Amino acid sequence: MENVELVEPSEFVPIEAEAYRVRFWSRPVPLAAENLTEFRVTRAPDITAVLRWVDDRAAGRRVEVFVEHTEICVSRLGDEPLTVLIQVHGHTTED
């Protein structure tokens, strides 16, 4: 970790997680492409419960955890829902 600085607290806007997405990555044999298994976890009370669920199933696989959040995008053509994934745990690439 580089360039860590103390900052003043800013306005906090909480988002409620509608669901969490969990990705397990595995490589069946060396030099093979990674396999992806993805789950959508709903009705989890909080991120801690999701991370416990992940730890119980990771089995040495690389893991990514995302909060799934939907916002309404307003445009001239009408309001459309936009679902975004906000990564809260793991790495997007192998180390």
C-alpha atoms as a PDB file:
ATOM      1  CA  MET A   1       0.000   0.000   0.000  1.00  0.00           C
ATOM      2  CA  GLU A   2       1.363   3.415  -0.929  1.00  0.00           C
ATOM      3  CA  ASN A   3       0.438   7.043  -0.265  1.00  0.00           C
ATOM      4  CA  VAL A   4      -1.859   6.624   2.713  1.00  0.00           C
ATOM      5  CA  GLU A   5      -3.084   9.866   4.235  1.00  0.00           C
ATOM      6  CA  LEU A   6      -5.481  10.859   6.972  1.00  0.00           C
ATOM      7  CA  VAL A   7      -8.477  12.798   5.644  1.00  0.00           C
ATOM      8  CA  GLU A   8     -11.411  14.570   7.209  1.00  0.00           C
ATOM      9  CA  PRO A   9     -14.658  12.590   7.230  1.00  0.00           C
ATOM     10  CA  SER A  10     -16.958  13.470   4.381  1.00  0.00           C
ATOM     11  CA  GLU A  11     -20.653  13.029   3.910  1.00  0.00           C
ATOM     12  CA  PHE A  12     -21.606   9.382   4.127  1.00  0.00           C
ATOM     13  CA  VAL A  13     -24.331   8.134   1.835  1.00  0.00           C
ATOM     14  CA  PRO A  14     -25.170   4.551   2.742  1.00  0.00           C
ATOM     15  CA  ILE A  15     -26.367   2.175   0.084  1.00  0.00           C
ATOM     16  CA  GLU A  16     -28.366  -0.898   0.801  1.00  0.00           C
ATOM     17  CA  ALA A  17     -27.066  -4.025  -0.824  1.00  0.00           C
ATOM     18  CA  GLU A  18     -29.862  -5.627  -2.793  1.00  0.00           C
ATOM     19  CA  ALA A  19     -27.602  -8.610  -3.254  1.00  0.00           C
ATOM     20  CA  TYR A  20     -23.965  -9.587  -3.313  1.00  0.00           C
ATOM     21  CA  ARG A  21     -22.125 -11.200  -6.202  1.00  0.00           C
ATOM     22  CA  VAL A  22     -19.410 -13.697  -5.373  1.00  0.00           C
ATOM     23  CA  ARG A  23     -16.939 -14.926  -7.966  1.00  0.00           C
ATOM     24  CA  PHE A  24     -14.742 -17.954  -7.409  1.00  0.00           C
ATOM     25  CA  TRP A  25     -11.857 -18.323  -9.861  1.00  0.00           C
ATOM     26  CA  SER A  26      -9.988 -21.596 -10.293  1.00  0.00           C
ATOM     27  CA  ARG A  27      -7.380 -22.980 -12.661  1.00  0.00           C
ATOM     28  CA  PRO A  28      -7.850 -26.712 -13.338  1.00  0.00           C
ATOM     29  CA  VAL A  29      -4.256 -27.239 -14.476  1.00  0.00           C
ATOM     30  CA  PRO A  30      -1.213 -24.967 -14.774  1.00  0.00           C
ATOM     31  CA  LEU A  31      -1.247 -22.728 -17.865  1.00  0.00           C
ATOM     32  CA  ALA A  32      -4.968 -23.330 -18.441  1.00  0.00           C
ATOM     33  CA  ALA A  33      -7.454 -20.469 -18.526  1.00  0.00           C
ATOM     34  CA  GLU A  34      -9.214 -19.736 -15.258  1.00  0.00           C
ATOM     35  CA  ASN A  35     -12.723 -21.033 -14.693  1.00  0.00           C
ATOM     36  CA  LEU A  36     -15.291 -18.680 -13.183  1.00  0.00           C
ATOM     37  CA  THR A  37     -18.140 -19.726 -10.924  1.00  0.00           C
ATOM     38  CA  GLU A  38     -20.408 -16.823  -9.914  1.00  0.00           C
ATOM     39  CA  PHE A  39     -23.137 -16.694  -7.286  1.00  0.00           C
ATOM     40  CA  ARG A  40     -25.755 -14.071  -6.450  1.00  0.00           C
ATOM     41  CA  VAL A  41     -26.260 -14.025  -2.674  1.00  0.00           C
ATOM     42  CA  THR A  42     -29.532 -12.512  -1.436  1.00  0.00           C
ATOM     43  CA  ARG A  43     -31.065 -11.964   1.985  1.00  0.00           C
ATOM     44  CA  ALA A  44     -27.643 -11.722   3.645  1.00  0.00           C
ATOM     45  CA  PRO A  45     -27.828  -9.536   6.768  1.00  0.00           C
ATOM     46  CA  ASP A  46     -24.474  -7.851   6.042  1.00  0.00           C
ATOM     47  CA  ILE A  47     -21.081  -8.199   4.356  1.00  0.00           C
ATOM     48  CA  THR A  48     -19.676 -10.129   7.322  1.00  0.00           C
ATOM     49  CA  ALA A  49     -22.191 -12.929   6.746  1.00  0.00           C
ATOM     50  CA  VAL A  50     -21.299 -12.996   3.049  1.00  0.00           C
ATOM     51  CA  LEU A  51     -17.577 -13.222   3.814  1.00  0.00           C
ATOM     52  CA  ARG A  52     -18.225 -16.130   6.211  1.00  0.00           C
ATOM     53  CA  TRP A  53     -20.214 -17.842   3.425  1.00  0.00           C
ATOM     54  CA  VAL A  54     -17.292 -17.226   1.057  1.00  0.00           C
ATOM     55  CA  ASP A  55     -14.699 -18.590   3.517  1.00  0.00           C
ATOM     56  CA  ASP A  56     -16.742 -21.785   3.909  1.00  0.00           C
ATOM     57  CA  ARG A  57     -16.688 -22.381   0.129  1.00  0.00           C
ATOM     58  CA  ALA A  58     -13.467 -20.835  -1.200  1.00  0.00           C
ATOM     59  CA  ALA A  59     -11.379 -24.037  -1.017  1.00  0.00           C
ATOM     60  CA  GLY A  60      -8.219 -22.170  -2.024  1.00  0.00           C
ATOM     61  CA  ARG A  61      -9.806 -20.450  -5.013  1.00  0.00           C
ATOM     62  CA  ARG A  62      -9.285 -16.770  -5.808  1.00  0.00           C
ATOM     63  CA  VAL A  63     -12.367 -14.811  -4.707  1.00  0.00           C
ATOM     64  CA  GLU A  64     -14.030 -11.501  -5.582  1.00  0.00           C
ATOM     65  CA  VAL A  65     -17.031 -10.090  -3.706  1.00  0.00           C
ATOM     66  CA  PHE A  66     -19.225  -7.260  -5.011  1.00  0.00           C
ATOM     67  CA  VAL A  67     -22.194  -5.311  -3.681  1.00  0.00           C
ATOM     68  CA  GLU A  68     -24.946  -5.238  -6.275  1.00  0.00           C
ATOM     69  CA  HIS A  69     -26.597  -1.825  -6.374  1.00  0.00           C
ATOM     70  CA  THR A  70     -29.310  -0.513  -8.686  1.00  0.00           C
ATOM     71  CA  GLU A  71     -29.942   3.143  -9.365  1.00  0.00           C
ATOM     72  CA  ILE A  72     -32.457   4.810 -11.626  1.00  0.00           C
ATOM     73  CA  CYS A  73     -30.839   6.674 -14.513  1.00  0.00           C
ATOM     74  CA  VAL A  74     -32.918   9.552 -15.757  1.00  0.00           C
ATOM     75  CA  SER A  75     -32.742  10.473 -19.424  1.00  0.00           C
ATOM     76  CA  ARG A  76     -34.861  12.062 -22.142  1.00  0.00           C
ATOM     77  CA  LEU A  77     -35.855   8.587 -23.241  1.00  0.00           C
ATOM     78  CA  GLY A  78     -37.181   7.582 -19.829  1.00  0.00           C
ATOM     79  CA  ASP A  79     -36.009   6.321 -16.490  1.00  0.00           C
ATOM     80  CA  GLU A  80     -33.989   3.134 -16.693  1.00  0.00           C
ATOM     81  CA  PRO A  81     -32.556   1.009 -13.889  1.00  0.00           C
ATOM     82  CA  LEU A  82     -28.782   0.625 -13.937  1.00  0.00           C
ATOM     83  CA  THR A  83     -27.242  -2.147 -11.870  1.00  0.00           C
ATOM     84  CA  VAL A  84     -23.612  -1.710 -10.895  1.00  0.00           C
ATOM     85  CA  LEU A  85     -21.226  -4.015  -9.053  1.00  0.00           C
ATOM     86  CA  ILE A  86     -19.033  -2.385  -6.419  1.00  0.00           C
ATOM     87  CA  GLN A  87     -16.067  -4.542  -5.496  1.00  0.00           C
ATOM     88  CA  VAL A  88     -15.620  -4.845  -1.729  1.00  0.00           C
ATOM     89  CA  HIS A  89     -13.283  -7.811  -1.414  1.00  0.00           C
ATOM     90  CA  GLY A  90     -10.662  -9.642  -3.462  1.00  0.00           C
ATOM     91  CA  HIS A  91      -8.617  -8.874  -6.552  1.00  0.00           C
ATOM     92  CA  THR A  92      -9.680  -8.576 -10.167  1.00  0.00           C
ATOM     93  CA  THR A  93      -6.495 -10.220 -11.428  1.00  0.00           C
ATOM     94  CA  GLU A  94      -4.197 -12.937 -10.215  1.00  0.00           C
ATOM     95  CA  ASP A  95      -1.314 -11.776  -8.032  1.00  0.00           C
END
